[in-house]
Structure formats: structure tokens, C-alpha cells
Amino acid sequence: MTEKRWPERWQEVNPGCMVFTPGSSQEYHTGSWRAGRKPVWDKSKCIKCGVCYIFCPEGCIFADEEGYFAGDLTYCKGCGICAHECFPEAVTMVNEEG
């Protein structure tokens, strides 16, 4: 019997979104599903409040060693919630090429 694997693209997702291996979500780079835009942080505007981190539904935003935030584009889907919630306007969504 062939072991079921998580799909690489959204078109391959099984109906019901079944998880075949518990605890395996970090293995799946869902950033390939991104909607053609990605967040970019402007450190000159960032006040290190972490609002972008709190509101990210994917949990793909992290703080670097200086306390500034950035997104792990391996998991980011480009929803733009981080940019919408960032009141100092340090996060902007930019179109990706390709």
C-alpha cells in the first residue's frame, strides 16, 4: 500500500483536507500557494510591536535577532493581513514577478 503524502499544490488537496501524518505541517511549504504578492518590511518604520506576528494566520512571521519582524515566504500565502494590521505602515504588499 502506498503511503499518502500531503499535496504540493492546492489543486492536489483531497476533499475534506485530511491530514495523513500528524505534526507534519512544517514539512509542507505552503508558500507556493501565495497569491502573487508578498509582504516587505521597512525597518525604518517598524516599531517592533509584533502586531504583524500576532495577526498572521499562518504563523510565518518571526522576529530576527534585532527584534525586527520578517515573513518566512516558505509558508506565507500573501493574504496581506500583516500589512493591513500594521499601524506604523511598516509592512507593504508587493507583487511578485513570474
PDB file of N, CA and C in Angstrom:
ATOM      1  N   MET A   1       0.846  -1.179   0.000  1.00  0.00           N
ATOM      2  CA  MET A   1       0.000   0.000   0.000  1.00  0.00           C
ATOM      3  C   MET A   1       0.891   1.242   0.000  1.00  0.00           C
ATOM      4  N   THR A   2       0.547   2.195  -0.840  1.00  0.00           N
ATOM      5  CA  THR A   2       1.312   3.428  -0.963  1.00  0.00           C
ATOM      6  C   THR A   2       0.941   4.393   0.150  1.00  0.00           C
ATOM      7  N   GLU A   3       1.979   4.979   0.795  1.00  0.00           N
ATOM      8  CA  GLU A   3       1.725   5.959   1.848  1.00  0.00           C
ATOM      9  C   GLU A   3       1.195   7.243   1.220  1.00  0.00           C
ATOM     10  N   LYS A   4       0.119   7.778   1.788  1.00  0.00           N
ATOM     11  CA  LYS A   4      -0.429   9.028   1.286  1.00  0.00           C
ATOM     12  C   LYS A   4       0.460  10.163   1.743  1.00  0.00           C
ATOM     13  N   ARG A   5       0.690  11.119   0.848  1.00  0.00           N
ATOM     14  CA  ARG A   5       1.518  12.276   1.152  1.00  0.00           C
ATOM     15  C   ARG A   5       0.689  13.540   0.969  1.00  0.00           C
ATOM     16  N   TRP A   6       1.099  14.591   1.663  1.00  0.00           N
ATOM     17  CA  TRP A   6       0.419  15.863   1.555  1.00  0.00           C
ATOM     18  C   TRP A   6       0.693  16.458   0.180  1.00  0.00           C
ATOM     19  N   PRO A   7      -0.282  17.089  -0.431  1.00  0.00           N
ATOM     20  CA  PRO A   7      -0.092  17.648  -1.774  1.00  0.00           C
ATOM     21  C   PRO A   7       0.872  18.829  -1.779  1.00  0.00           C
ATOM     22  N   GLU A   8       1.564  19.007  -2.882  1.00  0.00           N
ATOM     23  CA  GLU A   8       2.492  20.113  -3.049  1.00  0.00           C
ATOM     24  C   GLU A   8       1.773  21.379  -3.508  1.00  0.00           C
ATOM     25  N   ARG A   9       0.654  21.240  -4.191  1.00  0.00           N
ATOM     26  CA  ARG A   9      -0.088  22.383  -4.695  1.00  0.00           C
ATOM     27  C   ARG A   9      -1.536  22.291  -4.229  1.00  0.00           C
ATOM     28  N   TRP A  10      -2.239  23.432  -4.204  1.00  0.00           N
ATOM     29  CA  TRP A  10      -3.607  23.434  -3.705  1.00  0.00           C
ATOM     30  C   TRP A  10      -4.523  22.574  -4.575  1.00  0.00           C
ATOM     31  N   GLN A  11      -4.191  22.425  -5.871  1.00  0.00           N
ATOM     32  CA  GLN A  11      -5.030  21.636  -6.751  1.00  0.00           C
ATOM     33  C   GLN A  11      -5.025  20.157  -6.365  1.00  0.00           C
ATOM     34  N   GLU A  12      -4.025  19.739  -5.597  1.00  0.00           N
ATOM     35  CA  GLU A  12      -3.898  18.334  -5.217  1.00  0.00           C
ATOM     36  C   GLU A  12      -4.481  18.033  -3.840  1.00  0.00           C
ATOM     37  N   VAL A  13      -5.071  19.038  -3.182  1.00  0.00           N
ATOM     38  CA  VAL A  13      -5.625  18.844  -1.843  1.00  0.00           C
ATOM     39  C   VAL A  13      -6.841  17.928  -1.929  1.00  0.00           C
ATOM     40  N   ASN A  14      -6.879  16.928  -1.064  1.00  0.00           N
ATOM     41  CA  ASN A  14      -8.003  15.998  -1.020  1.00  0.00           C
ATOM     42  C   ASN A  14      -9.241  16.684  -0.445  1.00  0.00           C
ATOM     43  N   PRO A  15     -10.397  16.311  -0.910  1.00  0.00           N
ATOM     44  CA  PRO A  15     -11.620  16.834  -0.287  1.00  0.00           C
ATOM     45  C   PRO A  15     -11.624  16.470   1.200  1.00  0.00           C
ATOM     46  N   GLY A  16     -12.015  17.426   2.011  1.00  0.00           N
ATOM     47  CA  GLY A  16     -12.016  17.193   3.447  1.00  0.00           C
ATOM     48  C   GLY A  16     -10.704  17.573   4.109  1.00  0.00           C
ATOM     49  N   CYS A  17      -9.701  17.934   3.324  1.00  0.00           N
ATOM     50  CA  CYS A  17      -8.400  18.388   3.846  1.00  0.00           C
ATOM     51  C   CYS A  17      -7.858  17.453   4.927  1.00  0.00           C
ATOM     52  N   MET A  18      -7.829  16.171   4.656  1.00  0.00           N
ATOM     53  CA  MET A  18      -7.353  15.187   5.631  1.00  0.00           C
ATOM     54  C   MET A  18      -5.851  15.320   5.869  1.00  0.00           C
ATOM     55  N   VAL A  19      -5.441  15.176   7.106  1.00  0.00           N
ATOM     56  CA  VAL A  19      -4.031  15.164   7.475  1.00  0.00           C
ATOM     57  C   VAL A  19      -3.639  13.699   7.667  1.00  0.00           C
ATOM     58  N   PHE A  20      -2.683  13.238   6.888  1.00  0.00           N
ATOM     59  CA  PHE A  20      -2.312  11.830   6.931  1.00  0.00           C
ATOM     60  C   PHE A  20      -1.225  11.517   7.957  1.00  0.00           C
ATOM     61  N   THR A  21      -0.399  12.533   8.260  1.00  0.00           N
ATOM     62  CA  THR A  21       0.649  12.337   9.246  1.00  0.00           C
ATOM     63  C   THR A  21       0.577  13.477  10.263  1.00  0.00           C
ATOM     64  N   PRO A  22       0.122  13.237  11.476  1.00  0.00           N
ATOM     65  CA  PRO A  22       0.015  14.298  12.476  1.00  0.00           C
ATOM     66  C   PRO A  22       1.366  14.954  12.767  1.00  0.00           C
ATOM     67  N   GLY A  23       1.342  16.270  12.963  1.00  0.00           N
ATOM     68  CA  GLY A  23       2.556  17.000  13.303  1.00  0.00           C
ATOM     69  C   GLY A  23       3.485  17.246  12.139  1.00  0.00           C
ATOM     70  N   SER A  24       2.990  17.094  10.941  1.00  0.00           N
ATOM     71  CA  SER A  24       3.866  17.203   9.779  1.00  0.00           C
ATOM     72  C   SER A  24       3.734  18.533   9.028  1.00  0.00           C
ATOM     73  N   SER A  25       3.049  19.505   9.572  1.00  0.00           N
ATOM     74  CA  SER A  25       2.762  20.731   8.821  1.00  0.00           C
ATOM     75  C   SER A  25       4.007  21.523   8.444  1.00  0.00           C
ATOM     76  N   GLN A  26       5.073  21.451   9.230  1.00  0.00           N
ATOM     77  CA  GLN A  26       6.282  22.216   8.912  1.00  0.00           C
ATOM     78  C   GLN A  26       6.994  21.674   7.682  1.00  0.00           C
ATOM     79  N   GLU A  27       6.691  20.462   7.280  1.00  0.00           N
ATOM     80  CA  GLU A  27       7.332  19.889   6.107  1.00  0.00           C
ATOM     81  C   GLU A  27       6.749  20.427   4.810  1.00  0.00           C
ATOM     82  N   TYR A  28       5.570  21.016   4.893  1.00  0.00           N
ATOM     83  CA  TYR A  28       4.862  21.409   3.684  1.00  0.00           C
ATOM     84  C   TYR A  28       4.966  22.903   3.451  1.00  0.00           C
ATOM     85  N   HIS A  29       5.646  23.264   2.429  1.00  0.00           N
ATOM     86  CA  HIS A  29       5.932  24.657   2.117  1.00  0.00           C
ATOM     87  C   HIS A  29       4.752  25.254   1.355  1.00  0.00           C
ATOM     88  N   THR A  30       3.804  25.746   2.116  1.00  0.00           N
ATOM     89  CA  THR A  30       2.560  26.242   1.547  1.00  0.00           C
ATOM     90  C   THR A  30       2.720  27.600   0.879  1.00  0.00           C
ATOM     91  N   GLY A  31       3.909  28.187   0.922  1.00  0.00           N
ATOM     92  CA  GLY A  31       4.138  29.462   0.254  1.00  0.00           C
ATOM     93  C   GLY A  31       3.987  29.373  -1.246  1.00  0.00           C
ATOM     94  N   SER A  32       4.000  28.161  -1.797  1.00  0.00           N
ATOM     95  CA  SER A  32       3.795  28.016  -3.246  1.00  0.00           C
ATOM     96  C   SER A  32       2.363  28.356  -3.633  1.00  0.00           C
ATOM     97  N   TRP A  33       1.497  28.499  -2.634  1.00  0.00           N
ATOM     98  CA  TRP A  33       0.103  28.847  -2.890  1.00  0.00           C
ATOM     99  C   TRP A  33      -0.088  30.366  -2.911  1.00  0.00           C
ATOM    100  N   ARG A  34       0.981  31.120  -2.642  1.00  0.00           N
ATOM    101  CA  ARG A  34       0.866  32.566  -2.467  1.00  0.00           C
ATOM    102  C   ARG A  34       0.147  33.216  -3.653  1.00  0.00           C
ATOM    103  N   ALA A  35      -0.611  34.250  -3.335  1.00  0.00           N
ATOM    104  CA  ALA A  35      -1.490  34.906  -4.302  1.00  0.00           C
ATOM    105  C   ALA A  35      -0.781  35.946  -5.157  1.00  0.00           C
ATOM    106  N   GLY A  36       0.488  35.791  -5.455  1.00  0.00           N
ATOM    107  CA  GLY A  36       1.180  36.703  -6.354  1.00  0.00           C
ATOM    108  C   GLY A  36       1.713  37.959  -5.714  1.00  0.00           C
ATOM    109  N   ARG A  37       1.618  38.062  -4.399  1.00  0.00           N
ATOM    110  CA  ARG A  37       2.189  39.211  -3.709  1.00  0.00           C
ATOM    111  C   ARG A  37       2.771  38.744  -2.384  1.00  0.00           C
ATOM    112  N   LYS A  38       3.753  39.492  -1.936  1.00  0.00           N
ATOM    113  CA  LYS A  38       4.441  39.105  -0.704  1.00  0.00           C
ATOM    114  C   LYS A  38       4.647  40.332   0.182  1.00  0.00           C
ATOM    115  N   PRO A  39       4.762  40.122   1.494  1.00  0.00           N
ATOM    116  CA  PRO A  39       4.978  41.248   2.395  1.00  0.00           C
ATOM    117  C   PRO A  39       6.453  41.651   2.417  1.00  0.00           C
ATOM    118  N   VAL A  40       6.658  42.963   2.527  1.00  0.00           N
ATOM    119  CA  VAL A  40       8.011  43.500   2.661  1.00  0.00           C
ATOM    120  C   VAL A  40       8.002  44.453   3.850  1.00  0.00           C
ATOM    121  N   TRP A  41       8.965  44.301   4.760  1.00  0.00           N
ATOM    122  CA  TRP A  41       9.044  45.114   5.961  1.00  0.00           C
ATOM    123  C   TRP A  41      10.030  46.260   5.749  1.00  0.00           C
ATOM    124  N   ASP A  42       9.659  47.442   6.215  1.00  0.00           N
ATOM    125  CA  ASP A  42      10.529  48.615   6.198  1.00  0.00           C
ATOM    126  C   ASP A  42      11.005  48.833   7.635  1.00  0.00           C
ATOM    127  N   LYS A  43      12.255  48.508   7.900  1.00  0.00           N
ATOM    128  CA  LYS A  43      12.780  48.604   9.266  1.00  0.00           C
ATOM    129  C   LYS A  43      12.790  50.038   9.789  1.00  0.00           C
ATOM    130  N   SER A  44      12.822  51.021   8.890  1.00  0.00           N
ATOM    131  CA  SER A  44      12.833  52.414   9.365  1.00  0.00           C
ATOM    132  C   SER A  44      11.477  52.808   9.960  1.00  0.00           C
ATOM    133  N   LYS A  45      10.405  52.101   9.583  1.00  0.00           N
ATOM    134  CA  LYS A  45       9.075  52.383  10.122  1.00  0.00           C
ATOM    135  C   LYS A  45       8.667  51.417  11.222  1.00  0.00           C
ATOM    136  N   CYS A  46       9.288  50.259  11.286  1.00  0.00           N
ATOM    137  CA  CYS A  46       8.917  49.220  12.247  1.00  0.00           C
ATOM    138  C   CYS A  46       9.256  49.642  13.676  1.00  0.00           C
ATOM    139  N   ILE A  47       8.269  49.514  14.564  1.00  0.00           N
ATOM    140  CA  ILE A  47       8.490  49.847  15.975  1.00  0.00           C
ATOM    141  C   ILE A  47       8.602  48.576  16.826  1.00  0.00           C
ATOM    142  N   LYS A  48       8.724  47.426  16.163  1.00  0.00           N
ATOM    143  CA  LYS A  48       8.913  46.132  16.831  1.00  0.00           C
ATOM    144  C   LYS A  48       7.747  45.773  17.753  1.00  0.00           C
ATOM    145  N   CYS A  49       6.530  46.168  17.391  1.00  0.00           N
ATOM    146  CA  CYS A  49       5.362  45.911  18.239  1.00  0.00           C
ATOM    147  C   CYS A  49       4.881  44.462  18.139  1.00  0.00           C
ATOM    148  N   GLY A  50       5.126  43.811  16.996  1.00  0.00           N
ATOM    149  CA  GLY A  50       4.726  42.422  16.823  1.00  0.00           C
ATOM    150  C   GLY A  50       3.283  42.225  16.404  1.00  0.00           C
ATOM    151  N   VAL A  51       2.583  43.285  16.029  1.00  0.00           N
ATOM    152  CA  VAL A  51       1.193  43.145  15.594  1.00  0.00           C
ATOM    153  C   VAL A  51       1.119  42.237  14.365  1.00  0.00           C
ATOM    154  N   CYS A  52       2.046  42.378  13.449  1.00  0.00           N
ATOM    155  CA  CYS A  52       2.065  41.519  12.254  1.00  0.00           C
ATOM    156  C   CYS A  52       2.212  40.052  12.668  1.00  0.00           C
ATOM    157  N   TYR A  53       3.037  39.794  13.632  1.00  0.00           N
ATOM    158  CA  TYR A  53       3.264  38.436  14.140  1.00  0.00           C
ATOM    159  C   TYR A  53       1.986  37.869  14.764  1.00  0.00           C
ATOM    160  N   ILE A  54       1.304  38.695  15.539  1.00  0.00           N
ATOM    161  CA  ILE A  54       0.101  38.249  16.243  1.00  0.00           C
ATOM    162  C   ILE A  54      -1.027  37.909  15.267  1.00  0.00           C
ATOM    163  N   PHE A  55      -1.187  38.726  14.226  1.00  0.00           N
ATOM    164  CA  PHE A  55      -2.323  38.550  13.328  1.00  0.00           C
ATOM    165  C   PHE A  55      -2.071  37.583  12.175  1.00  0.00           C
ATOM    166  N   CYS A  56      -0.856  37.160  11.942  1.00  0.00           N
ATOM    167  CA  CYS A  56      -0.576  36.258  10.824  1.00  0.00           C
ATOM    168  C   CYS A  56      -1.297  34.923  11.033  1.00  0.00           C
ATOM    169  N   PRO A  57      -2.221  34.574  10.137  1.00  0.00           N
ATOM    170  CA  PRO A  57      -2.958  33.321  10.319  1.00  0.00           C
ATOM    171  C   PRO A  57      -2.117  32.083  10.046  1.00  0.00           C
ATOM    172  N   GLU A  58      -0.986  32.239   9.377  1.00  0.00           N
ATOM    173  CA  GLU A  58      -0.132  31.098   9.060  1.00  0.00           C
ATOM    174  C   GLU A  58       1.009  30.913  10.048  1.00  0.00           C
ATOM    175  N   GLY A  59       1.233  31.886  10.904  1.00  0.00           N
ATOM    176  CA  GLY A  59       2.335  31.779  11.849  1.00  0.00           C
ATOM    177  C   GLY A  59       3.688  31.795  11.160  1.00  0.00           C
ATOM    178  N   CYS A  60       3.772  32.519  10.057  1.00  0.00           N
ATOM    179  CA  CYS A  60       5.011  32.500   9.294  1.00  0.00           C
ATOM    180  C   CYS A  60       5.860  33.741   9.523  1.00  0.00           C
ATOM    181  N   ILE A  61       5.474  34.609  10.452  1.00  0.00           N
ATOM    182  CA  ILE A  61       6.261  35.809  10.748  1.00  0.00           C
ATOM    183  C   ILE A  61       7.100  35.535  11.981  1.00  0.00           C
ATOM    184  N   PHE A  62       8.352  35.973  11.919  1.00  0.00           N
ATOM    185  CA  PHE A  62       9.290  35.736  13.018  1.00  0.00           C
ATOM    186  C   PHE A  62      10.088  37.005  13.283  1.00  0.00           C
ATOM    187  N   ALA A  63      10.644  37.085  14.476  1.00  0.00           N
ATOM    188  CA  ALA A  63      11.500  38.222  14.838  1.00  0.00           C
ATOM    189  C   ALA A  63      12.944  37.819  14.635  1.00  0.00           C
ATOM    190  N   ASP A  64      13.729  38.734  14.069  1.00  0.00           N
ATOM    191  CA  ASP A  64      15.146  38.443  13.901  1.00  0.00           C
ATOM    192  C   ASP A  64      15.898  38.777  15.195  1.00  0.00           C
ATOM    193  N   GLU A  65      17.185  38.651  15.189  1.00  0.00           N
ATOM    194  CA  GLU A  65      17.976  38.863  16.406  1.00  0.00           C
ATOM    195  C   GLU A  65      17.935  40.304  16.905  1.00  0.00           C
ATOM    196  N   GLU A  66      17.578  41.267  16.040  1.00  0.00           N
ATOM    197  CA  GLU A  66      17.464  42.672  16.435  1.00  0.00           C
ATOM    198  C   GLU A  66      16.054  43.037  16.900  1.00  0.00           C
ATOM    199  N   GLY A  67      15.106  42.103  16.781  1.00  0.00           N
ATOM    200  CA  GLY A  67      13.736  42.353  17.197  1.00  0.00           C
ATOM    201  C   GLY A  67      12.821  42.822  16.081  1.00  0.00           C
ATOM    202  N   TYR A  68      13.352  42.965  14.871  1.00  0.00           N
ATOM    203  CA  TYR A  68      12.508  43.327  13.728  1.00  0.00           C
ATOM    204  C   TYR A  68      11.829  42.061  13.206  1.00  0.00           C
ATOM    205  N   PHE A  69      10.712  42.255  12.548  1.00  0.00           N
ATOM    206  CA  PHE A  69       9.940  41.115  12.067  1.00  0.00           C
ATOM    207  C   PHE A  69      10.125  40.915  10.573  1.00  0.00           C
ATOM    208  N   ALA A  70       9.935  39.699  10.150  1.00  0.00           N
ATOM    209  CA  ALA A  70      10.032  39.332   8.737  1.00  0.00           C
ATOM    210  C   ALA A  70       9.140  38.119   8.525  1.00  0.00           C
ATOM    211  N   GLY A  71       8.835  37.859   7.281  1.00  0.00           N
ATOM    212  CA  GLY A  71       7.981  36.726   6.961  1.00  0.00           C
ATOM    213  C   GLY A  71       8.774  35.597   6.341  1.00  0.00           C
ATOM    214  N   ASP A  72       8.436  34.394   6.727  1.00  0.00           N
ATOM    215  CA  ASP A  72       9.023  33.213   6.099  1.00  0.00           C
ATOM    216  C   ASP A  72       8.177  32.910   4.863  1.00  0.00           C
ATOM    217  N   LEU A  73       8.693  33.283   3.709  1.00  0.00           N
ATOM    218  CA  LEU A  73       7.927  33.152   2.472  1.00  0.00           C
ATOM    219  C   LEU A  73       7.718  31.701   2.067  1.00  0.00           C
ATOM    220  N   THR A  74       8.341  30.794   2.761  1.00  0.00           N
ATOM    221  CA  THR A  74       8.109  29.378   2.504  1.00  0.00           C
ATOM    222  C   THR A  74       6.678  28.993   2.885  1.00  0.00           C
ATOM    223  N   TYR A  75       6.116  29.753   3.843  1.00  0.00           N
ATOM    224  CA  TYR A  75       4.779  29.444   4.340  1.00  0.00           C
ATOM    225  C   TYR A  75       3.756  30.553   4.086  1.00  0.00           C
ATOM    226  N   CYS A  76       4.215  31.758   3.772  1.00  0.00           N
ATOM    227  CA  CYS A  76       3.319  32.910   3.564  1.00  0.00           C
ATOM    228  C   CYS A  76       2.463  32.701   2.316  1.00  0.00           C
ATOM    229  N   LYS A  77       1.175  33.001   2.450  1.00  0.00           N
ATOM    230  CA  LYS A  77       0.258  32.870   1.312  1.00  0.00           C
ATOM    231  C   LYS A  77      -0.096  34.217   0.708  1.00  0.00           C
ATOM    232  N   GLY A  78       0.477  35.311   1.237  1.00  0.00           N
ATOM    233  CA  GLY A  78       0.245  36.628   0.662  1.00  0.00           C
ATOM    234  C   GLY A  78      -1.115  37.196   0.961  1.00  0.00           C
ATOM    235  N   CYS A  79      -1.699  36.855   2.088  1.00  0.00           N
ATOM    236  CA  CYS A  79      -3.050  37.321   2.415  1.00  0.00           C
ATOM    237  C   CYS A  79      -3.079  38.827   2.685  1.00  0.00           C
ATOM    238  N   GLY A  80      -1.986  39.385   3.188  1.00  0.00           N
ATOM    239  CA  GLY A  80      -1.914  40.819   3.431  1.00  0.00           C
ATOM    240  C   GLY A  80      -2.442  41.276   4.774  1.00  0.00           C
ATOM    241  N   ILE A  81      -2.812  40.345   5.636  1.00  0.00           N
ATOM    242  CA  ILE A  81      -3.315  40.732   6.958  1.00  0.00           C
ATOM    243  C   ILE A  81      -2.237  41.467   7.744  1.00  0.00           C
ATOM    244  N   CYS A  82      -1.005  41.044   7.626  1.00  0.00           N
ATOM    245  CA  CYS A  82       0.094  41.702   8.337  1.00  0.00           C
ATOM    246  C   CYS A  82       0.195  43.173   7.918  1.00  0.00           C
ATOM    247  N   ALA A  83       0.088  43.440   6.625  1.00  0.00           N
ATOM    248  CA  ALA A  83       0.164  44.823   6.130  1.00  0.00           C
ATOM    249  C   ALA A  83      -1.057  45.625   6.561  1.00  0.00           C
ATOM    250  N   HIS A  84      -2.212  44.983   6.562  1.00  0.00           N
ATOM    251  CA  HIS A  84      -3.441  45.674   6.960  1.00  0.00           C
ATOM    252  C   HIS A  84      -3.418  46.072   8.426  1.00  0.00           C
ATOM    253  N   GLU A  85      -2.889  45.200   9.278  1.00  0.00           N
ATOM    254  CA  GLU A  85      -2.892  45.452  10.724  1.00  0.00           C
ATOM    255  C   GLU A  85      -1.713  46.295  11.198  1.00  0.00           C
ATOM    256  N   CYS A  86      -0.708  46.472  10.386  1.00  0.00           N
ATOM    257  CA  CYS A  86       0.495  47.213  10.795  1.00  0.00           C
ATOM    258  C   CYS A  86       0.188  48.718  10.809  1.00  0.00           C
ATOM    259  N   PHE A  87      -0.084  49.254  12.012  1.00  0.00           N
ATOM    260  CA  PHE A  87      -0.467  50.672  12.090  1.00  0.00           C
ATOM    261  C   PHE A  87       0.687  51.638  11.793  1.00  0.00           C
ATOM    262  N   PRO A  88       1.955  51.302  12.020  1.00  0.00           N
ATOM    263  CA  PRO A  88       3.035  52.215  11.576  1.00  0.00           C
ATOM    264  C   PRO A  88       3.300  52.131  10.061  1.00  0.00           C
ATOM    265  N   GLU A  89       2.546  51.249   9.380  1.00  0.00           N
ATOM    266  CA  GLU A  89       2.669  51.047   7.932  1.00  0.00           C
ATOM    267  C   GLU A  89       4.078  50.629   7.525  1.00  0.00           C
ATOM    268  N   ALA A  90       4.650  49.742   8.309  1.00  0.00           N
ATOM    269  CA  ALA A  90       5.985  49.217   8.020  1.00  0.00           C
ATOM    270  C   ALA A  90       5.938  48.028   7.074  1.00  0.00           C
ATOM    271  N   VAL A  91       4.774  47.444   6.901  1.00  0.00           N
ATOM    272  CA  VAL A  91       4.634  46.282   6.026  1.00  0.00           C
ATOM    273  C   VAL A  91       3.817  46.688   4.801  1.00  0.00           C
ATOM    274  N   THR A  92       4.352  46.418   3.647  1.00  0.00           N
ATOM    275  CA  THR A  92       3.620  46.642   2.403  1.00  0.00           C
ATOM    276  C   THR A  92       3.624  45.354   1.598  1.00  0.00           C
ATOM    277  N   MET A  93       2.581  45.182   0.828  1.00  0.00           N
ATOM    278  CA  MET A  93       2.488  44.013  -0.045  1.00  0.00           C
ATOM    279  C   MET A  93       2.966  44.421  -1.435  1.00  0.00           C
ATOM    280  N   VAL A  94       3.873  43.629  -1.973  1.00  0.00           N
ATOM    281  CA  VAL A  94       4.396  43.922  -3.309  1.00  0.00           C
ATOM    282  C   VAL A  94       4.103  42.733  -4.223  1.00  0.00           C
ATOM    283  N   ASN A  95       3.909  43.033  -5.471  1.00  0.00           N
ATOM    284  CA  ASN A  95       3.660  41.981  -6.451  1.00  0.00           C
ATOM    285  C   ASN A  95       4.941  41.195  -6.713  1.00  0.00           C
ATOM    286  N   GLU A  96       4.769  39.907  -6.872  1.00  0.00           N
ATOM    287  CA  GLU A  96       5.903  39.051  -7.188  1.00  0.00           C
ATOM    288  C   GLU A  96       6.003  38.905  -8.695  1.00  0.00           C
ATOM    289  N   GLU A  97       7.185  38.827  -9.169  1.00  0.00           N
ATOM    290  CA  GLU A  97       7.379  38.629 -10.602  1.00  0.00           C
ATOM    291  C   GLU A  97       7.276  37.149 -10.922  1.00  0.00           C
ATOM    292  N   GLY A  98       6.869  36.862 -12.106  1.00  0.00           N
ATOM    293  CA  GLY A  98       6.850  35.467 -12.536  1.00  0.00           C
ATOM    294  C   GLY A  98       5.523  34.994 -12.672  1.00  0.00           C
TER     295      GLY A  98
END
